[in-house]
Amino acid sequence: MSRKRIGKGASVAALSLALTLAIAGCGGSADPETGSGQVSAGASDGNVQGGTAESDGTSEGGIQKDESGYRVGGSLSGAYVDPNQKPPEKELKAAGFEYDRDSLTYELVWADEFDYEGEPDQEKWSYETGAGGWGNNELQYYTKGDNVTVGDGVMTIELRAEENGQYTSTRLVSRNKGDWTYCKVEASLKLPSGLGTWPAFWMMPTDSAYGTWPKSGEIDIMEHVGYDQDVIVETVHTEKYHGGQGKGKSFPTEGVSEEFHTYGVEWLPDKMIFSIDGEEKFTYDPFNYSNSPTSELWPFDRDFFLIFNLAFGGDWGGARGTDDSYFPVEYVVDYVRVYQSPEISALTDEN
């Protein structure tokens, strides 16, 4: 069976005609003699007068025709982004505060001396409950009051191994009952011992003004893990430095499980000074890490609240294993006190 062969010239002519018709159908103009076509560019308002350029080389909407005959836009699209334009900088933080720290006075604004019997004062404390690892693969379940008592002038948090195999403990918070910006905080604590224990006294933001953790900050006034007995860790976490890169230090402290020690922080508008038994141990100053700190280094200009909790296991507490043969164990709080400086309050109200 024979096939009819089409000549090459005929094929090209047919293709040229098809392209000419297609271009014309898309709103373009074609030269009937050459078969070439040019699509009209849309103006900024979406229309070109008459579909072709005006005789003076421009069209309504700013479309122009340059010397080569190509049509070019005379105005920028709203979607255009200047590659040399920098994003707006974050607000400068912790700057512009002048004061004499040695001349500051402090007034007691909130405290719990635990000089009552029963459960923690509901006007000052709430519970955070449940399990799920708490972001650190911890093993305990936090109960609502079953693992904490107040008596003999102290509050005692107890970590237990229950008959069902669950570990139970307490996480106590002052959120919306005790929240402050810039203050001096201290607590007298006796810590548990034992492999896997992880007690903490710390602060978190009442509202996440700069975003979820760690963007809005965290202040760890005291942390201790059982495998590193008699060593206290004090740390600040921010968007820039957090987790294992948080800014802080560890300090040998004898007898943390045998006697009470006082752990504190003085939170000023431009720095934090951490202490143990009244001795200053570590200062976090954001200007040590940047000449122009932003919230990435200093999200600490919003209210924070207090937390007492006793965890078990987890990424840090259980880094060298756990041992519950010595249970139950106790985390004892003699008192917690919060002070604020009238001088700092007046200074920050002005800024």
C-alpha atoms as a PDB file:
ATOM      1  CA  MET A   1       0.000   0.000   0.000  1.00  0.00           C
ATOM      2  CA  SER A   2       1.461   3.310  -1.068  1.00  0.00           C
ATOM      3  CA  ARG A   3       1.471   6.572   1.014  1.00  0.00           C
ATOM      4  CA  LYS A   4       1.191  10.109  -0.427  1.00  0.00           C
ATOM      5  CA  ARG A   5       4.323  12.157   0.333  1.00  0.00           C
ATOM      6  CA  ILE A   6       3.881  15.862   1.271  1.00  0.00           C
ATOM      7  CA  GLY A   7       6.569  18.235   0.112  1.00  0.00           C
ATOM      8  CA  LYS A   8       8.748  20.054   2.680  1.00  0.00           C
ATOM      9  CA  GLY A   9       7.850  23.497   1.315  1.00  0.00           C
ATOM     10  CA  ALA A  10       4.139  22.822   1.649  1.00  0.00           C
ATOM     11  CA  SER A  11       4.608  21.677   5.217  1.00  0.00           C
ATOM     12  CA  VAL A  12       6.423  24.870   6.221  1.00  0.00           C
ATOM     13  CA  ALA A  13       3.812  27.011   4.561  1.00  0.00           C
ATOM     14  CA  ALA A  14       1.036  25.189   6.423  1.00  0.00           C
ATOM     15  CA  LEU A  15       2.810  25.598   9.761  1.00  0.00           C
ATOM     16  CA  SER A  16       3.370  29.317   9.113  1.00  0.00           C
ATOM     17  CA  LEU A  17      -0.295  29.823   8.320  1.00  0.00           C
ATOM     18  CA  ALA A  18      -1.339  27.960  11.472  1.00  0.00           C
ATOM     19  CA  LEU A  19       0.908  30.097  13.662  1.00  0.00           C
ATOM     20  CA  THR A  20      -0.375  33.283  12.059  1.00  0.00           C
ATOM     21  CA  LEU A  21      -3.985  32.312  12.741  1.00  0.00           C
ATOM     22  CA  ALA A  22      -3.198  31.252  16.323  1.00  0.00           C
ATOM     23  CA  ILE A  23      -1.458  34.551  17.078  1.00  0.00           C
ATOM     24  CA  ALA A  24      -4.305  36.553  15.631  1.00  0.00           C
ATOM     25  CA  GLY A  25      -6.771  34.550  17.688  1.00  0.00           C
ATOM     26  CA  CYS A  26      -4.891  35.476  20.896  1.00  0.00           C
ATOM     27  CA  GLY A  27      -5.517  39.164  20.400  1.00  0.00           C
ATOM     28  CA  GLY A  28      -2.285  39.840  18.508  1.00  0.00           C
ATOM     29  CA  SER A  29      -1.746  41.493  15.129  1.00  0.00           C
ATOM     30  CA  ALA A  30      -0.092  39.714  12.195  1.00  0.00           C
ATOM     31  CA  ASP A  31       1.528  40.945   9.033  1.00  0.00           C
ATOM     32  CA  PRO A  32      -0.380  39.238   6.189  1.00  0.00           C
ATOM     33  CA  GLU A  33       2.607  39.457   3.879  1.00  0.00           C
ATOM     34  CA  THR A  34       5.316  37.982   6.101  1.00  0.00           C
ATOM     35  CA  GLY A  35       3.140  35.827   8.338  1.00  0.00           C
ATOM     36  CA  SER A  36       4.895  37.181  11.434  1.00  0.00           C
ATOM     37  CA  GLY A  37       2.874  38.179  14.477  1.00  0.00           C
ATOM     38  CA  GLN A  38       3.294  40.251  17.690  1.00  0.00           C
ATOM     39  CA  VAL A  39       1.182  39.829  20.817  1.00  0.00           C
ATOM     40  CA  SER A  40      -0.038  43.066  22.407  1.00  0.00           C
ATOM     41  CA  ALA A  41       1.194  43.572  25.974  1.00  0.00           C
ATOM     42  CA  GLY A  42      -1.481  44.252  28.570  1.00  0.00           C
ATOM     43  CA  ALA A  43      -1.465  47.683  30.267  1.00  0.00           C
ATOM     44  CA  SER A  44      -1.465  48.162  34.014  1.00  0.00           C
ATOM     45  CA  ASP A  45      -5.244  48.309  34.060  1.00  0.00           C
ATOM     46  CA  GLY A  46      -5.466  45.189  31.911  1.00  0.00           C
ATOM     47  CA  ASN A  47      -6.373  46.934  28.636  1.00  0.00           C
ATOM     48  CA  VAL A  48      -4.550  48.461  25.669  1.00  0.00           C
ATOM     49  CA  GLN A  49      -6.319  51.108  23.623  1.00  0.00           C
ATOM     50  CA  GLY A  50      -7.538  49.450  20.419  1.00  0.00           C
ATOM     51  CA  GLY A  51      -5.215  46.484  20.986  1.00  0.00           C
ATOM     52  CA  THR A  52      -2.311  48.309  19.311  1.00  0.00           C
ATOM     53  CA  ALA A  53       0.158  51.030  20.277  1.00  0.00           C
ATOM     54  CA  GLU A  54      -0.713  54.636  19.529  1.00  0.00           C
ATOM     55  CA  SER A  55       1.139  56.461  16.764  1.00  0.00           C
ATOM     56  CA  ASP A  56       3.265  58.440  19.277  1.00  0.00           C
ATOM     57  CA  GLY A  57       4.771  55.207  20.653  1.00  0.00           C
ATOM     58  CA  THR A  58       2.742  54.972  23.864  1.00  0.00           C
ATOM     59  CA  SER A  59      -0.510  53.446  24.953  1.00  0.00           C
ATOM     60  CA  GLU A  60      -2.810  54.203  27.865  1.00  0.00           C
ATOM     61  CA  GLY A  61      -1.547  52.520  31.031  1.00  0.00           C
ATOM     62  CA  GLY A  62       2.113  53.383  30.485  1.00  0.00           C
ATOM     63  CA  ILE A  63       2.983  50.864  27.741  1.00  0.00           C
ATOM     64  CA  GLN A  64       5.770  52.200  25.511  1.00  0.00           C
ATOM     65  CA  LYS A  65       7.514  51.098  22.324  1.00  0.00           C
ATOM     66  CA  ASP A  66      11.289  51.455  22.277  1.00  0.00           C
ATOM     67  CA  GLU A  67      13.507  51.970  19.205  1.00  0.00           C
ATOM     68  CA  SER A  68      13.665  48.265  18.435  1.00  0.00           C
ATOM     69  CA  GLY A  69       9.929  48.110  18.141  1.00  0.00           C
ATOM     70  CA  TYR A  70       9.362  46.020  21.268  1.00  0.00           C
ATOM     71  CA  ARG A  71       6.701  47.210  23.681  1.00  0.00           C
ATOM     72  CA  VAL A  72       7.856  47.770  27.249  1.00  0.00           C
ATOM     73  CA  GLY A  73       6.047  48.623  30.470  1.00  0.00           C
ATOM     74  CA  GLY A  74       6.138  52.211  31.699  1.00  0.00           C
ATOM     75  CA  SER A  75       5.123  51.354  35.310  1.00  0.00           C
ATOM     76  CA  LEU A  76       6.027  48.629  37.815  1.00  0.00           C
ATOM     77  CA  SER A  77       3.706  45.829  38.767  1.00  0.00           C
ATOM     78  CA  GLY A  78       2.614  45.747  42.393  1.00  0.00           C
ATOM     79  CA  ALA A  79       4.128  42.270  42.562  1.00  0.00           C
ATOM     80  CA  TYR A  80       7.615  43.513  41.794  1.00  0.00           C
ATOM     81  CA  VAL A  81      10.177  43.076  44.589  1.00  0.00           C
ATOM     82  CA  ASP A  82      13.353  45.109  44.549  1.00  0.00           C
ATOM     83  CA  PRO A  83      16.184  42.575  45.075  1.00  0.00           C
ATOM     84  CA  ASN A  84      18.239  45.266  46.818  1.00  0.00           C
ATOM     85  CA  GLN A  85      15.519  46.139  49.316  1.00  0.00           C
ATOM     86  CA  LYS A  86      16.230  44.801  52.820  1.00  0.00           C
ATOM     87  CA  PRO A  87      13.419  43.468  55.038  1.00  0.00           C
ATOM     88  CA  PRO A  88      12.433  45.756  57.922  1.00  0.00           C
ATOM     89  CA  GLU A  89      14.744  45.333  60.879  1.00  0.00           C
ATOM     90  CA  LYS A  90      13.434  44.041  64.180  1.00  0.00           C
ATOM     91  CA  GLU A  91      13.048  46.556  66.960  1.00  0.00           C
ATOM     92  CA  LEU A  92      16.134  47.271  69.057  1.00  0.00           C
ATOM     93  CA  LYS A  93      15.793  45.827  72.562  1.00  0.00           C
ATOM     94  CA  ALA A  94      17.414  46.363  75.980  1.00  0.00           C
ATOM     95  CA  ALA A  95      18.753  49.776  74.983  1.00  0.00           C
ATOM     96  CA  GLY A  96      18.383  53.283  76.371  1.00  0.00           C
ATOM     97  CA  PHE A  97      18.080  52.418  80.059  1.00  0.00           C
ATOM     98  CA  GLU A  98      20.317  54.408  82.394  1.00  0.00           C
ATOM     99  CA  TYR A  99      20.332  53.630  86.109  1.00  0.00           C
ATOM    100  CA  ASP A 100      22.685  53.053  89.025  1.00  0.00           C
ATOM    101  CA  ARG A 101      22.216  49.435  90.018  1.00  0.00           C
ATOM    102  CA  ASP A 102      23.831  49.992  93.425  1.00  0.00           C
ATOM    103  CA  SER A 103      21.203  52.638  94.217  1.00  0.00           C
ATOM    104  CA  LEU A 104      18.167  50.541  93.307  1.00  0.00           C
ATOM    105  CA  THR A 105      15.666  49.695  96.033  1.00  0.00           C
ATOM    106  CA  TYR A 106      13.299  46.721  95.989  1.00  0.00           C
ATOM    107  CA  GLU A 107       9.861  46.162  97.465  1.00  0.00           C
ATOM    108  CA  LEU A 108       8.221  42.788  98.080  1.00  0.00           C
ATOM    109  CA  VAL A 109       5.268  42.478  95.677  1.00  0.00           C
ATOM    110  CA  TRP A 110       4.384  38.768  95.872  1.00  0.00           C
ATOM    111  CA  ALA A 111       5.403  35.794  98.006  1.00  0.00           C
ATOM    112  CA  ASP A 112       4.404  32.394  99.298  1.00  0.00           C
ATOM    113  CA  GLU A 113       5.951  31.498 102.676  1.00  0.00           C
ATOM    114  CA  PHE A 114       3.976  28.236 102.879  1.00  0.00           C
ATOM    115  CA  ASP A 115       3.003  28.986 106.464  1.00  0.00           C
ATOM    116  CA  TYR A 116      -0.320  27.155 106.153  1.00  0.00           C
ATOM    117  CA  GLU A 117      -1.532  23.552 105.911  1.00  0.00           C
ATOM    118  CA  GLY A 118      -3.027  21.544 103.069  1.00  0.00           C
ATOM    119  CA  GLU A 119      -2.629  22.216  99.367  1.00  0.00           C
ATOM    120  CA  PRO A 120      -0.897  25.175  97.672  1.00  0.00           C
ATOM    121  CA  ASP A 121      -2.759  28.489  97.767  1.00  0.00           C
ATOM    122  CA  GLN A 122      -5.217  28.458  94.857  1.00  0.00           C
ATOM    123  CA  GLU A 123      -5.060  32.256  94.694  1.00  0.00           C
ATOM    124  CA  LYS A 124      -1.383  31.963  93.732  1.00  0.00           C
ATOM    125  CA  TRP A 125      -0.934  28.605  92.012  1.00  0.00           C
ATOM    126  CA  SER A 126      -2.462  26.444  89.282  1.00  0.00           C
ATOM    127  CA  TYR A 127      -1.552  22.981  88.009  1.00  0.00           C
ATOM    128  CA  GLU A 128      -0.379  21.876  84.611  1.00  0.00           C
ATOM    129  CA  THR A 129      -1.299  18.217  84.270  1.00  0.00           C
ATOM    130  CA  GLY A 130      -0.769  15.238  82.026  1.00  0.00           C
ATOM    131  CA  ALA A 131       2.030  13.267  80.388  1.00  0.00           C
ATOM    132  CA  GLY A 132       3.282  13.215  76.808  1.00  0.00           C
ATOM    133  CA  GLY A 133       6.940  13.913  77.516  1.00  0.00           C
ATOM    134  CA  TRP A 134       6.594  17.704  77.825  1.00  0.00           C
ATOM    135  CA  GLY A 135       8.853  18.271  74.839  1.00  0.00           C
ATOM    136  CA  ASN A 136      11.771  16.456  76.508  1.00  0.00           C
ATOM    137  CA  ASN A 137      10.654  12.789  76.477  1.00  0.00           C
ATOM    138  CA  GLU A 138      10.073  12.910  80.238  1.00  0.00           C
ATOM    139  CA  LEU A 139       8.480   9.895  81.921  1.00  0.00           C
ATOM    140  CA  GLN A 140       6.246  11.415  84.599  1.00  0.00           C
ATOM    141  CA  TYR A 141       2.545  12.229  84.663  1.00  0.00           C
ATOM    142  CA  TYR A 142       1.718  15.516  86.398  1.00  0.00           C
ATOM    143  CA  THR A 143      -1.316  15.249  88.687  1.00  0.00           C
ATOM    144  CA  LYS A 144      -3.637  17.932  90.011  1.00  0.00           C
ATOM    145  CA  GLY A 145      -2.683  18.111  93.662  1.00  0.00           C
ATOM    146  CA  ASP A 146      -2.068  14.436  94.392  1.00  0.00           C
ATOM    147  CA  ASN A 147       1.712  14.880  94.573  1.00  0.00           C
ATOM    148  CA  VAL A 148       2.080  18.131  96.515  1.00  0.00           C
ATOM    149  CA  THR A 149       1.369  19.177 100.113  1.00  0.00           C
ATOM    150  CA  VAL A 150       1.969  22.217 102.300  1.00  0.00           C
ATOM    151  CA  GLY A 151       2.840  21.806 105.952  1.00  0.00           C
ATOM    152  CA  ASP A 152       5.440  22.596 108.603  1.00  0.00           C
ATOM    153  CA  GLY A 153       6.302  25.796 106.761  1.00  0.00           C
ATOM    154  CA  VAL A 154       7.284  24.179 103.446  1.00  0.00           C
ATOM    155  CA  MET A 155       5.774  22.937 100.212  1.00  0.00           C
ATOM    156  CA  THR A 156       6.754  19.399  99.205  1.00  0.00           C
ATOM    157  CA  ILE A 157       6.502  17.971  95.692  1.00  0.00           C
ATOM    158  CA  GLU A 158       6.714  14.178  95.682  1.00  0.00           C
ATOM    159  CA  LEU A 159       7.807  12.004  92.760  1.00  0.00           C
ATOM    160  CA  ARG A 160       6.440   8.453  92.992  1.00  0.00           C
ATOM    161  CA  ALA A 161       6.322   5.193  91.081  1.00  0.00           C
ATOM    162  CA  GLU A 162       2.689   4.051  91.132  1.00  0.00           C
ATOM    163  CA  GLU A 163       1.468   0.449  91.177  1.00  0.00           C
ATOM    164  CA  ASN A 164       0.309   0.763  87.567  1.00  0.00           C
ATOM    165  CA  GLY A 165       3.873   1.545  86.497  1.00  0.00           C
ATOM    166  CA  GLN A 166       3.225   5.277  86.001  1.00  0.00           C
ATOM    167  CA  TYR A 167       5.523   7.883  87.512  1.00  0.00           C
ATOM    168  CA  THR A 168       3.604  10.804  89.042  1.00  0.00           C
ATOM    169  CA  SER A 169       4.705  14.270  90.093  1.00  0.00           C
ATOM    170  CA  THR A 170       3.605  17.936  90.140  1.00  0.00           C
ATOM    171  CA  ARG A 171       4.042  20.975  87.915  1.00  0.00           C
ATOM    172  CA  LEU A 172       2.897  24.143  89.683  1.00  0.00           C
ATOM    173  CA  VAL A 173       2.561  27.510  87.884  1.00  0.00           C
ATOM    174  CA  SER A 174       1.657  31.097  88.870  1.00  0.00           C
ATOM    175  CA  ARG A 175       0.387  32.060  85.414  1.00  0.00           C
ATOM    176  CA  ASN A 176      -2.251  34.824  85.534  1.00  0.00           C
ATOM    177  CA  LYS A 177      -1.903  34.812  89.325  1.00  0.00           C
ATOM    178  CA  GLY A 178       1.681  36.042  89.581  1.00  0.00           C
ATOM    179  CA  ASP A 179       3.159  37.599  86.429  1.00  0.00           C
ATOM    180  CA  TRP A 180       5.822  40.294  86.192  1.00  0.00           C
ATOM    181  CA  THR A 181       8.177  42.183  83.899  1.00  0.00           C
ATOM    182  CA  TYR A 182      11.517  43.172  85.526  1.00  0.00           C
ATOM    183  CA  CYS A 183      11.802  41.878  89.060  1.00  0.00           C
ATOM    184  CA  LYS A 184      14.012  40.103  91.556  1.00  0.00           C
ATOM    185  CA  VAL A 185      12.972  36.514  92.272  1.00  0.00           C
ATOM    186  CA  GLU A 186      14.353  34.081  94.849  1.00  0.00           C
ATOM    187  CA  ALA A 187      13.382  30.743  96.346  1.00  0.00           C
ATOM    188  CA  SER A 188      14.827  28.584  99.119  1.00  0.00           C
ATOM    189  CA  LEU A 189      14.956  24.977  97.917  1.00  0.00           C
ATOM    190  CA  LYS A 190      16.095  21.507  98.968  1.00  0.00           C
ATOM    191  CA  LEU A 191      16.473  19.247  95.957  1.00  0.00           C
ATOM    192  CA  PRO A 192      15.937  15.514  95.459  1.00  0.00           C
ATOM    193  CA  SER A 193      18.768  13.140  94.580  1.00  0.00           C
ATOM    194  CA  GLY A 194      18.768  10.007  92.471  1.00  0.00           C
ATOM    195  CA  LEU A 195      19.465   8.972  88.899  1.00  0.00           C
ATOM    196  CA  GLY A 196      16.816  10.412  86.588  1.00  0.00           C
ATOM    197  CA  THR A 197      15.468  13.206  88.819  1.00  0.00           C
ATOM    198  CA  TRP A 198      15.172  16.655  87.251  1.00  0.00           C
ATOM    199  CA  PRO A 199      13.807  19.430  89.507  1.00  0.00           C
ATOM    200  CA  ALA A 200      13.499  22.992  88.199  1.00  0.00           C
ATOM    201  CA  PHE A 201      12.567  26.515  89.293  1.00  0.00           C
ATOM    202  CA  TRP A 202      12.019  28.691  86.241  1.00  0.00           C
ATOM    203  CA  MET A 203       9.946  31.298  84.390  1.00  0.00           C
ATOM    204  CA  MET A 204       8.019  31.316  81.119  1.00  0.00           C
ATOM    205  CA  PRO A 205       6.231  34.114  79.203  1.00  0.00           C
ATOM    206  CA  THR A 206       2.592  34.672  80.095  1.00  0.00           C
ATOM    207  CA  ASP A 207       1.827  35.430  76.452  1.00  0.00           C
ATOM    208  CA  SER A 208       3.983  34.402  73.512  1.00  0.00           C
ATOM    209  CA  ALA A 209       4.437  37.949  72.201  1.00  0.00           C
ATOM    210  CA  TYR A 210       7.334  36.997  69.923  1.00  0.00           C
ATOM    211  CA  GLY A 211       6.135  33.541  68.912  1.00  0.00           C
ATOM    212  CA  THR A 212       6.239  30.024  70.276  1.00  0.00           C
ATOM    213  CA  TRP A 213       9.200  28.622  72.191  1.00  0.00           C
ATOM    214  CA  PRO A 214      11.956  29.654  72.148  1.00  0.00           C
ATOM    215  CA  LYS A 215      11.131  32.971  70.451  1.00  0.00           C
ATOM    216  CA  SER A 216       9.432  34.467  73.519  1.00  0.00           C
ATOM    217  CA  GLY A 217      12.153  33.316  75.915  1.00  0.00           C
ATOM    218  CA  GLU A 218      12.689  31.141  78.988  1.00  0.00           C
ATOM    219  CA  ILE A 219      14.445  31.920  82.284  1.00  0.00           C
ATOM    220  CA  ASP A 220      15.850  28.907  84.182  1.00  0.00           C
ATOM    221  CA  ILE A 221      16.706  30.114  87.684  1.00  0.00           C
ATOM    222  CA  MET A 222      17.643  26.642  88.923  1.00  0.00           C
ATOM    223  CA  GLU A 223      17.928  23.249  87.241  1.00  0.00           C
ATOM    224  CA  HIS A 224      19.505  20.090  88.607  1.00  0.00           C
ATOM    225  CA  VAL A 225      19.842  16.538  87.311  1.00  0.00           C
ATOM    226  CA  GLY A 226      20.409  13.570  89.588  1.00  0.00           C
ATOM    227  CA  TYR A 227      23.385  12.138  87.712  1.00  0.00           C
ATOM    228  CA  ASP A 228      25.305  15.391  88.287  1.00  0.00           C
ATOM    229  CA  GLN A 229      24.790  15.777  92.005  1.00  0.00           C
ATOM    230  CA  ASP A 230      25.692  19.099  93.672  1.00  0.00           C
ATOM    231  CA  VAL A 231      25.854  20.983  90.369  1.00  0.00           C
ATOM    232  CA  ILE A 232      23.338  23.761  89.638  1.00  0.00           C
ATOM    233  CA  VAL A 233      22.602  25.082  86.144  1.00  0.00           C
ATOM    234  CA  GLU A 234      21.234  28.579  85.407  1.00  0.00           C
ATOM    235  CA  THR A 235      20.280  29.363  81.810  1.00  0.00           C
ATOM    236  CA  VAL A 236      18.538  31.783  79.460  1.00  0.00           C
ATOM    237  CA  HIS A 237      16.862  30.556  76.268  1.00  0.00           C
ATOM    238  CA  THR A 238      16.044  32.823  73.307  1.00  0.00           C
ATOM    239  CA  GLU A 239      15.326  32.491  69.601  1.00  0.00           C
ATOM    240  CA  LYS A 240      19.023  32.897  68.835  1.00  0.00           C
ATOM    241  CA  TYR A 241      20.366  30.682  71.626  1.00  0.00           C
ATOM    242  CA  HIS A 242      18.276  27.854  73.015  1.00  0.00           C
ATOM    243  CA  GLY A 243      18.302  24.208  73.971  1.00  0.00           C
ATOM    244  CA  GLY A 244      21.867  22.956  74.201  1.00  0.00           C
ATOM    245  CA  GLN A 245      23.042  26.363  72.949  1.00  0.00           C
ATOM    246  CA  GLY A 246      21.195  28.344  75.624  1.00  0.00           C
ATOM    247  CA  LYS A 247      23.287  30.955  77.418  1.00  0.00           C
ATOM    248  CA  GLY A 248      24.099  29.884  80.970  1.00  0.00           C
ATOM    249  CA  LYS A 249      26.536  28.212  83.313  1.00  0.00           C
ATOM    250  CA  SER A 250      26.766  25.363  85.795  1.00  0.00           C
ATOM    251  CA  PHE A 251      28.051  25.824  89.335  1.00  0.00           C
ATOM    252  CA  PRO A 252      29.252  23.277  91.917  1.00  0.00           C
ATOM    253  CA  THR A 253      27.073  23.713  95.016  1.00  0.00           C
ATOM    254  CA  GLU A 254      27.569  21.396  97.966  1.00  0.00           C
ATOM    255  CA  GLY A 255      24.708  19.778  99.806  1.00  0.00           C
ATOM    256  CA  VAL A 256      21.834  20.729  97.486  1.00  0.00           C
ATOM    257  CA  SER A 257      19.889  17.629  98.604  1.00  0.00           C
ATOM    258  CA  GLU A 258      20.790  17.831 102.289  1.00  0.00           C
ATOM    259  CA  GLU A 259      20.086  21.493 103.041  1.00  0.00           C
ATOM    260  CA  PHE A 260      18.281  24.542 101.696  1.00  0.00           C
ATOM    261  CA  HIS A 261      19.971  26.918  99.271  1.00  0.00           C
ATOM    262  CA  THR A 262      18.589  30.155  97.843  1.00  0.00           C
ATOM    263  CA  TYR A 263      18.429  30.503  94.061  1.00  0.00           C
ATOM    264  CA  GLY A 264      17.604  33.820  92.430  1.00  0.00           C
ATOM    265  CA  VAL A 265      17.658  36.157  89.465  1.00  0.00           C
ATOM    266  CA  GLU A 266      17.641  39.940  89.239  1.00  0.00           C
ATOM    267  CA  TRP A 267      15.862  40.733  85.989  1.00  0.00           C
ATOM    268  CA  LEU A 268      16.688  44.263  84.807  1.00  0.00           C
ATOM    269  CA  PRO A 269      15.595  45.995  81.570  1.00  0.00           C
ATOM    270  CA  ASP A 270      18.921  45.233  79.882  1.00  0.00           C
ATOM    271  CA  LYS A 271      20.418  42.205  81.665  1.00  0.00           C
ATOM    272  CA  MET A 272      19.836  39.338  84.094  1.00  0.00           C
ATOM    273  CA  ILE A 273      22.024  38.479  87.081  1.00  0.00           C
ATOM    274  CA  PHE A 274      21.693  34.947  88.484  1.00  0.00           C
ATOM    275  CA  SER A 275      22.753  34.064  92.024  1.00  0.00           C
ATOM    276  CA  ILE A 276      23.096  31.198  94.496  1.00  0.00           C
ATOM    277  CA  ASP A 277      22.893  31.968  98.222  1.00  0.00           C
ATOM    278  CA  GLY A 278      23.174  35.671  97.403  1.00  0.00           C
ATOM    279  CA  GLU A 279      26.408  35.281  95.431  1.00  0.00           C
ATOM    280  CA  GLU A 280      26.208  36.465  91.842  1.00  0.00           C
ATOM    281  CA  LYS A 281      27.130  33.625  89.511  1.00  0.00           C
ATOM    282  CA  PHE A 282      26.178  34.502  85.952  1.00  0.00           C
ATOM    283  CA  THR A 283      25.079  37.612  84.049  1.00  0.00           C
ATOM    284  CA  TYR A 284      23.209  37.443  80.776  1.00  0.00           C
ATOM    285  CA  ASP A 285      23.785  40.676  78.835  1.00  0.00           C
ATOM    286  CA  PRO A 286      22.464  40.649  75.243  1.00  0.00           C
ATOM    287  CA  PHE A 287      25.031  43.272  74.226  1.00  0.00           C
ATOM    288  CA  ASN A 288      27.707  40.627  74.771  1.00  0.00           C
ATOM    289  CA  TYR A 289      26.324  38.901  71.671  1.00  0.00           C
ATOM    290  CA  SER A 290      25.227  41.809  69.470  1.00  0.00           C
ATOM    291  CA  ASN A 291      25.696  45.569  69.201  1.00  0.00           C
ATOM    292  CA  SER A 292      22.011  45.848  68.291  1.00  0.00           C
ATOM    293  CA  PRO A 293      20.064  43.112  70.068  1.00  0.00           C
ATOM    294  CA  THR A 294      16.488  42.414  69.028  1.00  0.00           C
ATOM    295  CA  SER A 295      13.900  40.018  70.410  1.00  0.00           C
ATOM    296  CA  GLU A 296      16.058  37.189  69.065  1.00  0.00           C
ATOM    297  CA  LEU A 297      18.387  37.905  71.986  1.00  0.00           C
ATOM    298  CA  TRP A 298      16.140  39.832  74.363  1.00  0.00           C
ATOM    299  CA  PRO A 299      12.443  38.851  74.401  1.00  0.00           C
ATOM    300  CA  PHE A 300      12.463  39.727  78.096  1.00  0.00           C
ATOM    301  CA  ASP A 301      10.303  42.852  78.084  1.00  0.00           C
ATOM    302  CA  ARG A 302       6.996  41.083  78.701  1.00  0.00           C
ATOM    303  CA  ASP A 303       5.369  39.392  81.706  1.00  0.00           C
ATOM    304  CA  PHE A 304       6.681  36.012  82.853  1.00  0.00           C
ATOM    305  CA  PHE A 305       5.310  33.597  85.474  1.00  0.00           C
ATOM    306  CA  LEU A 306       6.881  31.105  87.912  1.00  0.00           C
ATOM    307  CA  ILE A 307       7.093  27.317  87.607  1.00  0.00           C
ATOM    308  CA  PHE A 308       8.077  24.615  90.106  1.00  0.00           C
ATOM    309  CA  ASN A 309       8.215  21.083  88.737  1.00  0.00           C
ATOM    310  CA  LEU A 310       9.918  17.771  89.366  1.00  0.00           C
ATOM    311  CA  ALA A 311      10.467  15.726  86.207  1.00  0.00           C
ATOM    312  CA  PHE A 312      11.848  12.217  85.809  1.00  0.00           C
ATOM    313  CA  GLY A 313      13.956  10.923  82.934  1.00  0.00           C
ATOM    314  CA  GLY A 314      13.860  12.742  79.637  1.00  0.00           C
ATOM    315  CA  ASP A 315      16.534  13.988  77.261  1.00  0.00           C
ATOM    316  CA  TRP A 316      18.595  15.583  80.017  1.00  0.00           C
ATOM    317  CA  GLY A 317      17.369  14.108  83.286  1.00  0.00           C
ATOM    318  CA  GLY A 318      17.547  10.582  81.888  1.00  0.00           C
ATOM    319  CA  ALA A 319      20.671  11.048  79.757  1.00  0.00           C
ATOM    320  CA  ARG A 320      22.531   8.504  81.900  1.00  0.00           C
ATOM    321  CA  GLY A 321      19.570   6.310  82.718  1.00  0.00           C
ATOM    322  CA  THR A 322      17.010   6.244  85.520  1.00  0.00           C
ATOM    323  CA  ASP A 323      16.629   4.395  88.807  1.00  0.00           C
ATOM    324  CA  ASP A 324      13.396   4.416  90.776  1.00  0.00           C
ATOM    325  CA  SER A 325      14.569   2.051  93.530  1.00  0.00           C
ATOM    326  CA  TYR A 326      14.884   4.973  95.959  1.00  0.00           C
ATOM    327  CA  PHE A 327      11.349   6.335  95.381  1.00  0.00           C
ATOM    328  CA  PRO A 328       9.508   8.320  96.573  1.00  0.00           C
ATOM    329  CA  VAL A 329      11.722  11.422  96.423  1.00  0.00           C
ATOM    330  CA  GLU A 330      10.923  14.985  97.493  1.00  0.00           C
ATOM    331  CA  TYR A 331      11.521  18.487  96.172  1.00  0.00           C
ATOM    332  CA  VAL A 332      11.018  20.939  99.067  1.00  0.00           C
ATOM    333  CA  VAL A 333      10.325  24.681  98.817  1.00  0.00           C
ATOM    334  CA  ASP A 334      10.767  26.802 101.947  1.00  0.00           C
ATOM    335  CA  TYR A 335       9.620  30.074 100.346  1.00  0.00           C
ATOM    336  CA  VAL A 336       9.444  31.995  97.072  1.00  0.00           C
ATOM    337  CA  ARG A 337       9.551  35.818  96.926  1.00  0.00           C
ATOM    338  CA  VAL A 338       9.237  38.407  94.187  1.00  0.00           C
ATOM    339  CA  TYR A 339      10.448  42.016  94.480  1.00  0.00           C
ATOM    340  CA  GLN A 340      10.210  44.975  92.139  1.00  0.00           C
ATOM    341  CA  SER A 341      12.181  48.213  92.061  1.00  0.00           C
ATOM    342  CA  PRO A 342      10.273  51.537  92.034  1.00  0.00           C
ATOM    343  CA  GLU A 343      13.231  53.096  90.224  1.00  0.00           C
ATOM    344  CA  ILE A 344      13.132  50.511  87.445  1.00  0.00           C
ATOM    345  CA  SER A 345       9.339  50.757  87.200  1.00  0.00           C
ATOM    346  CA  ALA A 346       9.572  54.535  86.778  1.00  0.00           C
ATOM    347  CA  LEU A 347      12.382  54.175  84.235  1.00  0.00           C
ATOM    348  CA  THR A 348      10.551  51.635  82.086  1.00  0.00           C
ATOM    349  CA  ASP A 349       7.312  53.603  82.239  1.00  0.00           C
ATOM    350  CA  GLU A 350       9.201  56.521  80.676  1.00  0.00           C
ATOM    351  CA  ASN A 351      10.559  54.436  77.793  1.00  0.00           C
END
